[in-house]
Amino acid sequence: MAEKKPNVITINGTDYTEDQLTDQQRVLINHIADLDRKIRSAQFSLDQLTVGREAFVNMLAASLATADSVEQVEAVN
């Protein structure tokens, strides 16, 4: 069976293993990691919302252009 390597984390350029950290420091690291995941998830959602909004704006612009074209044709007749 392979030996389990200690989990190493680098903070401000210094490497630490889990056994070098206090319980409180480990909790803080877990909070930071969780917040990083949430930030990535929020950015992903923001990207989706931005693209979705842009699609609706484009659909509205196309609809308005079509409506303008119909009005121009009707005005000519």
PDB file of N, CA and C in Angstrom:
ATOM      1  N   MET A   1       0.834  -1.170   0.000  1.00  0.00           N
ATOM      2  CA  MET A   1       0.000   0.000   0.000  1.00  0.00           C
ATOM      3  C   MET A   1       0.885   1.242   0.000  1.00  0.00           C
ATOM      4  N   ALA A   2       0.495   2.225  -0.794  1.00  0.00           N
ATOM      5  CA  ALA A   2       1.288   3.451  -0.909  1.00  0.00           C
ATOM      6  C   ALA A   2       1.151   4.296   0.352  1.00  0.00           C
ATOM      7  N   GLU A   3       2.248   4.938   0.689  1.00  0.00           N
ATOM      8  CA  GLU A   3       2.250   5.818   1.838  1.00  0.00           C
ATOM      9  C   GLU A   3       1.465   7.074   1.511  1.00  0.00           C
ATOM     10  N   LYS A   4       0.660   7.538   2.468  1.00  0.00           N
ATOM     11  CA  LYS A   4      -0.105   8.758   2.249  1.00  0.00           C
ATOM     12  C   LYS A   4       0.814   9.952   2.484  1.00  0.00           C
ATOM     13  N   LYS A   5       0.897  10.813   1.452  1.00  0.00           N
ATOM     14  CA  LYS A   5       1.721  12.006   1.582  1.00  0.00           C
ATOM     15  C   LYS A   5       0.953  13.051   2.383  1.00  0.00           C
ATOM     16  N   PRO A   6       1.646  13.783   3.218  1.00  0.00           N
ATOM     17  CA  PRO A   6       0.963  14.824   3.989  1.00  0.00           C
ATOM     18  C   PRO A   6       0.459  15.931   3.070  1.00  0.00           C
ATOM     19  N   ASN A   7      -0.716  16.465   3.405  1.00  0.00           N
ATOM     20  CA  ASN A   7      -1.288  17.563   2.636  1.00  0.00           C
ATOM     21  C   ASN A   7      -0.473  18.818   2.932  1.00  0.00           C
ATOM     22  N   VAL A   8       0.080  19.421   1.885  1.00  0.00           N
ATOM     23  CA  VAL A   8       0.917  20.613   2.052  1.00  0.00           C
ATOM     24  C   VAL A   8       0.161  21.810   1.502  1.00  0.00           C
ATOM     25  N   ILE A   9       0.145  22.877   2.279  1.00  0.00           N
ATOM     26  CA  ILE A   9      -0.484  24.118   1.841  1.00  0.00           C
ATOM     27  C   ILE A   9       0.562  25.216   1.918  1.00  0.00           C
ATOM     28  N   THR A  10       0.557  26.073   0.913  1.00  0.00           N
ATOM     29  CA  THR A  10       1.508  27.178   0.875  1.00  0.00           C
ATOM     30  C   THR A  10       0.780  28.464   1.233  1.00  0.00           C
ATOM     31  N   ILE A  11       1.290  29.141   2.247  1.00  0.00           N
ATOM     32  CA  ILE A  11       0.720  30.407   2.700  1.00  0.00           C
ATOM     33  C   ILE A  11       1.829  31.441   2.730  1.00  0.00           C
ATOM     34  N   ASN A  12       1.651  32.488   1.934  1.00  0.00           N
ATOM     35  CA  ASN A  12       2.654  33.563   1.847  1.00  0.00           C
ATOM     36  C   ASN A  12       4.049  33.026   1.560  1.00  0.00           C
ATOM     37  N   GLY A  13       4.121  32.046   0.658  1.00  0.00           N
ATOM     38  CA  GLY A  13       5.406  31.512   0.234  1.00  0.00           C
ATOM     39  C   GLY A  13       6.020  30.468   1.160  1.00  0.00           C
ATOM     40  N   THR A  14       5.340  30.110   2.223  1.00  0.00           N
ATOM     41  CA  THR A  14       5.848  29.109   3.160  1.00  0.00           C
ATOM     42  C   THR A  14       4.947  27.878   3.121  1.00  0.00           C
ATOM     43  N   ASP A  15       5.566  26.691   3.027  1.00  0.00           N
ATOM     44  CA  ASP A  15       4.820  25.438   3.004  1.00  0.00           C
ATOM     45  C   ASP A  15       4.551  24.957   4.427  1.00  0.00           C
ATOM     46  N   TYR A  16       3.329  24.488   4.635  1.00  0.00           N
ATOM     47  CA  TYR A  16       2.930  23.932   5.933  1.00  0.00           C
ATOM     48  C   TYR A  16       2.249  22.595   5.685  1.00  0.00           C
ATOM     49  N   THR A  17       2.473  21.645   6.579  1.00  0.00           N
ATOM     50  CA  THR A  17       1.700  20.405   6.556  1.00  0.00           C
ATOM     51  C   THR A  17       0.572  20.564   7.564  1.00  0.00           C
ATOM     52  N   GLU A  18      -0.451  19.720   7.417  1.00  0.00           N
ATOM     53  CA  GLU A  18      -1.613  19.828   8.303  1.00  0.00           C
ATOM     54  C   GLU A  18      -1.235  19.725   9.773  1.00  0.00           C
ATOM     55  N   ASP A  19      -0.268  18.882  10.075  1.00  0.00           N
ATOM     56  CA  ASP A  19       0.098  18.701  11.481  1.00  0.00           C
ATOM     57  C   ASP A  19       0.801  19.918  12.076  1.00  0.00           C
ATOM     58  N   GLN A  20       1.235  20.846  11.231  1.00  0.00           N
ATOM     59  CA  GLN A  20       1.872  22.073  11.721  1.00  0.00           C
ATOM     60  C   GLN A  20       0.846  23.156  12.043  1.00  0.00           C
ATOM     61  N   LEU A  21      -0.395  22.933  11.678  1.00  0.00           N
ATOM     62  CA  LEU A  21      -1.422  23.949  11.853  1.00  0.00           C
ATOM     63  C   LEU A  21      -2.290  23.639  13.063  1.00  0.00           C
ATOM     64  N   THR A  22      -2.805  24.695  13.676  1.00  0.00           N
ATOM     65  CA  THR A  22      -3.734  24.506  14.791  1.00  0.00           C
ATOM     66  C   THR A  22      -5.113  24.160  14.225  1.00  0.00           C
ATOM     67  N   ASP A  23      -5.991  23.713  15.102  1.00  0.00           N
ATOM     68  CA  ASP A  23      -7.364  23.426  14.678  1.00  0.00           C
ATOM     69  C   ASP A  23      -8.008  24.683  14.091  1.00  0.00           C
ATOM     70  N   GLN A  24      -7.798  25.807  14.729  1.00  0.00           N
ATOM     71  CA  GLN A  24      -8.375  27.059  14.250  1.00  0.00           C
ATOM     72  C   GLN A  24      -7.838  27.411  12.856  1.00  0.00           C
ATOM     73  N   GLN A  25      -6.544  27.227  12.636  1.00  0.00           N
ATOM     74  CA  GLN A  25      -5.959  27.514  11.336  1.00  0.00           C
ATOM     75  C   GLN A  25      -6.537  26.598  10.256  1.00  0.00           C
ATOM     76  N   ARG A  26      -6.760  25.329  10.589  1.00  0.00           N
ATOM     77  CA  ARG A  26      -7.370  24.397   9.639  1.00  0.00           C
ATOM     78  C   ARG A  26      -8.802  24.817   9.301  1.00  0.00           C
ATOM     79  N   VAL A  27      -9.527  25.279  10.309  1.00  0.00           N
ATOM     80  CA  VAL A  27     -10.894  25.761  10.074  1.00  0.00           C
ATOM     81  C   VAL A  27     -10.865  26.979   9.162  1.00  0.00           C
ATOM     82  N   LEU A  28      -9.953  27.893   9.404  1.00  0.00           N
ATOM     83  CA  LEU A  28      -9.842  29.086   8.562  1.00  0.00           C
ATOM     84  C   LEU A  28      -9.520  28.709   7.118  1.00  0.00           C
ATOM     85  N   ILE A  29      -8.628  27.741   6.931  1.00  0.00           N
ATOM     86  CA  ILE A  29      -8.278  27.269   5.588  1.00  0.00           C
ATOM     87  C   ILE A  29      -9.500  26.670   4.910  1.00  0.00           C
ATOM     88  N   ASN A  30     -10.297  25.910   5.655  1.00  0.00           N
ATOM     89  CA  ASN A  30     -11.523  25.331   5.092  1.00  0.00           C
ATOM     90  C   ASN A  30     -12.516  26.417   4.684  1.00  0.00           C
ATOM     91  N   HIS A  31     -12.629  27.459   5.498  1.00  0.00           N
ATOM     92  CA  HIS A  31     -13.510  28.581   5.143  1.00  0.00           C
ATOM     93  C   HIS A  31     -13.028  29.252   3.853  1.00  0.00           C
ATOM     94  N   ILE A  32     -11.742  29.472   3.757  1.00  0.00           N
ATOM     95  CA  ILE A  32     -11.173  30.105   2.560  1.00  0.00           C
ATOM     96  C   ILE A  32     -11.442  29.251   1.330  1.00  0.00           C
ATOM     97  N   ALA A  33     -11.219  27.948   1.447  1.00  0.00           N
ATOM     98  CA  ALA A  33     -11.453  27.050   0.314  1.00  0.00           C
ATOM     99  C   ALA A  33     -12.925  27.057  -0.085  1.00  0.00           C
ATOM    100  N   ASP A  34     -13.826  27.047   0.900  1.00  0.00           N
ATOM    101  CA  ASP A  34     -15.259  27.073   0.617  1.00  0.00           C
ATOM    102  C   ASP A  34     -15.656  28.379  -0.062  1.00  0.00           C
ATOM    103  N   LEU A  35     -15.116  29.489   0.411  1.00  0.00           N
ATOM    104  CA  LEU A  35     -15.403  30.782  -0.210  1.00  0.00           C
ATOM    105  C   LEU A  35     -14.862  30.838  -1.636  1.00  0.00           C
ATOM    106  N   ASP A  36     -13.689  30.264  -1.873  1.00  0.00           N
ATOM    107  CA  ASP A  36     -13.150  30.205  -3.237  1.00  0.00           C
ATOM    108  C   ASP A  36     -14.094  29.446  -4.157  1.00  0.00           C
ATOM    109  N   ARG A  37     -14.639  28.309  -3.677  1.00  0.00           N
ATOM    110  CA  ARG A  37     -15.602  27.538  -4.472  1.00  0.00           C
ATOM    111  C   ARG A  37     -16.856  28.359  -4.752  1.00  0.00           C
ATOM    112  N   LYS A  38     -17.345  29.069  -3.749  1.00  0.00           N
ATOM    113  CA  LYS A  38     -18.545  29.885  -3.916  1.00  0.00           C
ATOM    114  C   LYS A  38     -18.304  31.039  -4.887  1.00  0.00           C
ATOM    115  N   ILE A  39     -17.137  31.632  -4.832  1.00  0.00           N
ATOM    116  CA  ILE A  39     -16.796  32.718  -5.761  1.00  0.00           C
ATOM    117  C   ILE A  39     -16.770  32.186  -7.189  1.00  0.00           C
ATOM    118  N   ARG A  40     -16.151  31.015  -7.399  1.00  0.00           N
ATOM    119  CA  ARG A  40     -16.125  30.419  -8.743  1.00  0.00           C
ATOM    120  C   ARG A  40     -17.535  30.111  -9.223  1.00  0.00           C
ATOM    121  N   SER A  41     -18.367  29.600  -8.338  1.00  0.00           N
ATOM    122  CA  SER A  41     -19.747  29.278  -8.698  1.00  0.00           C
ATOM    123  C   SER A  41     -20.530  30.550  -9.029  1.00  0.00           C
ATOM    124  N   ALA A  42     -20.351  31.583  -8.228  1.00  0.00           N
ATOM    125  CA  ALA A  42     -21.038  32.855  -8.485  1.00  0.00           C
ATOM    126  C   ALA A  42     -20.581  33.459  -9.807  1.00  0.00           C
ATOM    127  N   GLN A  43     -19.277  33.366 -10.112  1.00  0.00           N
ATOM    128  CA  GLN A  43     -18.760  33.895 -11.376  1.00  0.00           C
ATOM    129  C   GLN A  43     -19.343  33.117 -12.543  1.00  0.00           C
ATOM    130  N   PHE A  44     -19.472  31.795 -12.394  1.00  0.00           N
ATOM    131  CA  PHE A  44     -20.066  30.947 -13.423  1.00  0.00           C
ATOM    132  C   PHE A  44     -21.516  31.371 -13.665  1.00  0.00           C
ATOM    133  N   SER A  45     -22.260  31.575 -12.579  1.00  0.00           N
ATOM    134  CA  SER A  45     -23.653  32.013 -12.694  1.00  0.00           C
ATOM    135  C   SER A  45     -23.747  33.394 -13.321  1.00  0.00           C
ATOM    136  N   LEU A  46     -22.859  34.289 -12.937  1.00  0.00           N
ATOM    137  CA  LEU A  46     -22.848  35.631 -13.520  1.00  0.00           C
ATOM    138  C   LEU A  46     -22.574  35.570 -15.014  1.00  0.00           C
ATOM    139  N   ASP A  47     -21.655  34.710 -15.423  1.00  0.00           N
ATOM    140  CA  ASP A  47     -21.380  34.538 -16.856  1.00  0.00           C
ATOM    141  C   ASP A  47     -22.628  34.070 -17.592  1.00  0.00           C
ATOM    142  N   GLN A  48     -23.352  33.102 -17.015  1.00  0.00           N
ATOM    143  CA  GLN A  48     -24.580  32.608 -17.636  1.00  0.00           C
ATOM    144  C   GLN A  48     -25.627  33.712 -17.717  1.00  0.00           C
ATOM    145  N   LEU A  49     -25.789  34.458 -16.650  1.00  0.00           N
ATOM    146  CA  LEU A  49     -26.773  35.535 -16.635  1.00  0.00           C
ATOM    147  C   LEU A  49     -26.428  36.620 -17.653  1.00  0.00           C
ATOM    148  N   THR A  50     -25.161  36.949 -17.762  1.00  0.00           N
ATOM    149  CA  THR A  50     -24.726  37.978 -18.703  1.00  0.00           C
ATOM    150  C   THR A  50     -24.992  37.554 -20.144  1.00  0.00           C
ATOM    151  N   VAL A  51     -24.647  36.306 -20.460  1.00  0.00           N
ATOM    152  CA  VAL A  51     -24.881  35.799 -21.813  1.00  0.00           C
ATOM    153  C   VAL A  51     -26.379  35.703 -22.090  1.00  0.00           C
ATOM    154  N   GLY A  52     -27.154  35.245 -21.108  1.00  0.00           N
ATOM    155  CA  GLY A  52     -28.606  35.163 -21.272  1.00  0.00           C
ATOM    156  C   GLY A  52     -29.219  36.528 -21.505  1.00  0.00           C
ATOM    157  N   ARG A  53     -28.798  37.518 -20.745  1.00  0.00           N
ATOM    158  CA  ARG A  53     -29.302  38.885 -20.926  1.00  0.00           C
ATOM    159  C   ARG A  53     -28.970  39.391 -22.315  1.00  0.00           C
ATOM    160  N   GLU A  54     -27.749  39.157 -22.741  1.00  0.00           N
ATOM    161  CA  GLU A  54     -27.329  39.597 -24.076  1.00  0.00           C
ATOM    162  C   GLU A  54     -28.197  38.948 -25.158  1.00  0.00           C
ATOM    163  N   ALA A  55     -28.534  37.681 -24.970  1.00  0.00           N
ATOM    164  CA  ALA A  55     -29.390  36.987 -25.942  1.00  0.00           C
ATOM    165  C   ALA A  55     -30.768  37.640 -25.998  1.00  0.00           C
ATOM    166  N   PHE A  56     -31.332  37.988 -24.847  1.00  0.00           N
ATOM    167  CA  PHE A  56     -32.648  38.638 -24.838  1.00  0.00           C
ATOM    168  C   PHE A  56     -32.594  40.033 -25.454  1.00  0.00           C
ATOM    169  N   VAL A  57     -31.521  40.765 -25.209  1.00  0.00           N
ATOM    170  CA  VAL A  57     -31.362  42.084 -25.826  1.00  0.00           C
ATOM    171  C   VAL A  57     -31.290  41.929 -27.344  1.00  0.00           C
ATOM    172  N   ASN A  58     -30.542  40.937 -27.818  1.00  0.00           N
ATOM    173  CA  ASN A  58     -30.442  40.696 -29.254  1.00  0.00           C
ATOM    174  C   ASN A  58     -31.788  40.295 -29.848  1.00  0.00           C
ATOM    175  N   MET A  59     -32.547  39.461 -29.122  1.00  0.00           N
ATOM    176  CA  MET A  59     -33.874  39.056 -29.596  1.00  0.00           C
ATOM    177  C   MET A  59     -34.801  40.268 -29.676  1.00  0.00           C
ATOM    178  N   LEU A  60     -34.733  41.154 -28.686  1.00  0.00           N
ATOM    179  CA  LEU A  60     -35.551  42.370 -28.700  1.00  0.00           C
ATOM    180  C   LEU A  60     -35.170  43.263 -29.867  1.00  0.00           C
ATOM    181  N   ALA A  61     -33.877  43.446 -30.082  1.00  0.00           N
ATOM    182  CA  ALA A  61     -33.414  44.286 -31.197  1.00  0.00           C
ATOM    183  C   ALA A  61     -33.887  43.711 -32.525  1.00  0.00           C
ATOM    184  N   ALA A  62     -33.809  42.392 -32.684  1.00  0.00           N
ATOM    185  CA  ALA A  62     -34.263  41.756 -33.919  1.00  0.00           C
ATOM    186  C   ALA A  62     -35.768  41.928 -34.077  1.00  0.00           C
ATOM    187  N   SER A  63     -36.512  41.808 -33.003  1.00  0.00           N
ATOM    188  CA  SER A  63     -37.961  41.978 -33.046  1.00  0.00           C
ATOM    189  C   SER A  63     -38.328  43.406 -33.432  1.00  0.00           C
ATOM    190  N   LEU A  64     -37.633  44.362 -32.861  1.00  0.00           N
ATOM    191  CA  LEU A  64     -37.897  45.764 -33.191  1.00  0.00           C
ATOM    192  C   LEU A  64     -37.551  46.060 -34.649  1.00  0.00           C
ATOM    193  N   ALA A  65     -36.459  45.486 -35.127  1.00  0.00           N
ATOM    194  CA  ALA A  65     -36.065  45.697 -36.531  1.00  0.00           C
ATOM    195  C   ALA A  65     -37.120  45.105 -37.461  1.00  0.00           C
ATOM    196  N   THR A  66     -37.653  43.936 -37.111  1.00  0.00           N
ATOM    197  CA  THR A  66     -38.697  43.304 -37.915  1.00  0.00           C
ATOM    198  C   THR A  66     -39.958  44.154 -37.901  1.00  0.00           C
ATOM    199  N   ALA A  67     -40.328  44.661 -36.721  1.00  0.00           N
ATOM    200  CA  ALA A  67     -41.515  45.494 -36.596  1.00  0.00           C
ATOM    201  C   ALA A  67     -41.353  46.772 -37.410  1.00  0.00           C
ATOM    202  N   ASP A  68     -40.170  47.375 -37.388  1.00  0.00           N
ATOM    203  CA  ASP A  68     -39.904  48.580 -38.173  1.00  0.00           C
ATOM    204  C   ASP A  68     -40.020  48.292 -39.662  1.00  0.00           C
ATOM    205  N   SER A  69     -39.518  47.134 -40.091  1.00  0.00           N
ATOM    206  CA  SER A  69     -39.587  46.752 -41.504  1.00  0.00           C
ATOM    207  C   SER A  69     -41.034  46.585 -41.939  1.00  0.00           C
ATOM    208  N   VAL A  70     -41.854  45.959 -41.097  1.00  0.00           N
ATOM    209  CA  VAL A  70     -43.267  45.751 -41.414  1.00  0.00           C
ATOM    210  C   VAL A  70     -43.985  47.095 -41.504  1.00  0.00           C
ATOM    211  N   GLU A  71     -43.696  48.001 -40.573  1.00  0.00           N
ATOM    212  CA  GLU A  71     -44.319  49.320 -40.587  1.00  0.00           C
ATOM    213  C   GLU A  71     -43.935  50.107 -41.840  1.00  0.00           C
ATOM    214  N   GLN A  72     -42.671  49.975 -42.259  1.00  0.00           N
ATOM    215  CA  GLN A  72     -42.229  50.676 -43.462  1.00  0.00           C
ATOM    216  C   GLN A  72     -42.935  50.134 -44.699  1.00  0.00           C
ATOM    217  N   VAL A  73     -43.104  48.818 -44.767  1.00  0.00           N
ATOM    218  CA  VAL A  73     -43.801  48.205 -45.901  1.00  0.00           C
ATOM    219  C   VAL A  73     -45.258  48.640 -45.914  1.00  0.00           C
ATOM    220  N   GLU A  74     -45.900  48.664 -44.772  1.00  0.00           N
ATOM    221  CA  GLU A  74     -47.282  49.069 -44.681  1.00  0.00           C
ATOM    222  C   GLU A  74     -47.449  50.532 -45.048  1.00  0.00           C
ATOM    223  N   ALA A  75     -46.485  51.373 -44.694  1.00  0.00           N
ATOM    224  CA  ALA A  75     -46.549  52.799 -45.003  1.00  0.00           C
ATOM    225  C   ALA A  75     -46.440  53.025 -46.506  1.00  0.00           C
ATOM    226  N   VAL A  76     -45.688  52.193 -47.185  1.00  0.00           N
ATOM    227  CA  VAL A  76     -45.501  52.322 -48.634  1.00  0.00           C
ATOM    228  C   VAL A  76     -46.795  51.907 -49.348  1.00  0.00           C
ATOM    229  N   ASN A  77     -47.483  50.926 -48.842  1.00  0.00           N
ATOM    230  CA  ASN A  77     -48.714  50.425 -49.507  1.00  0.00           C
ATOM    231  C   ASN A  77     -49.822  51.329 -49.230  1.00  0.00           C
TER     232      ASN A  77
END
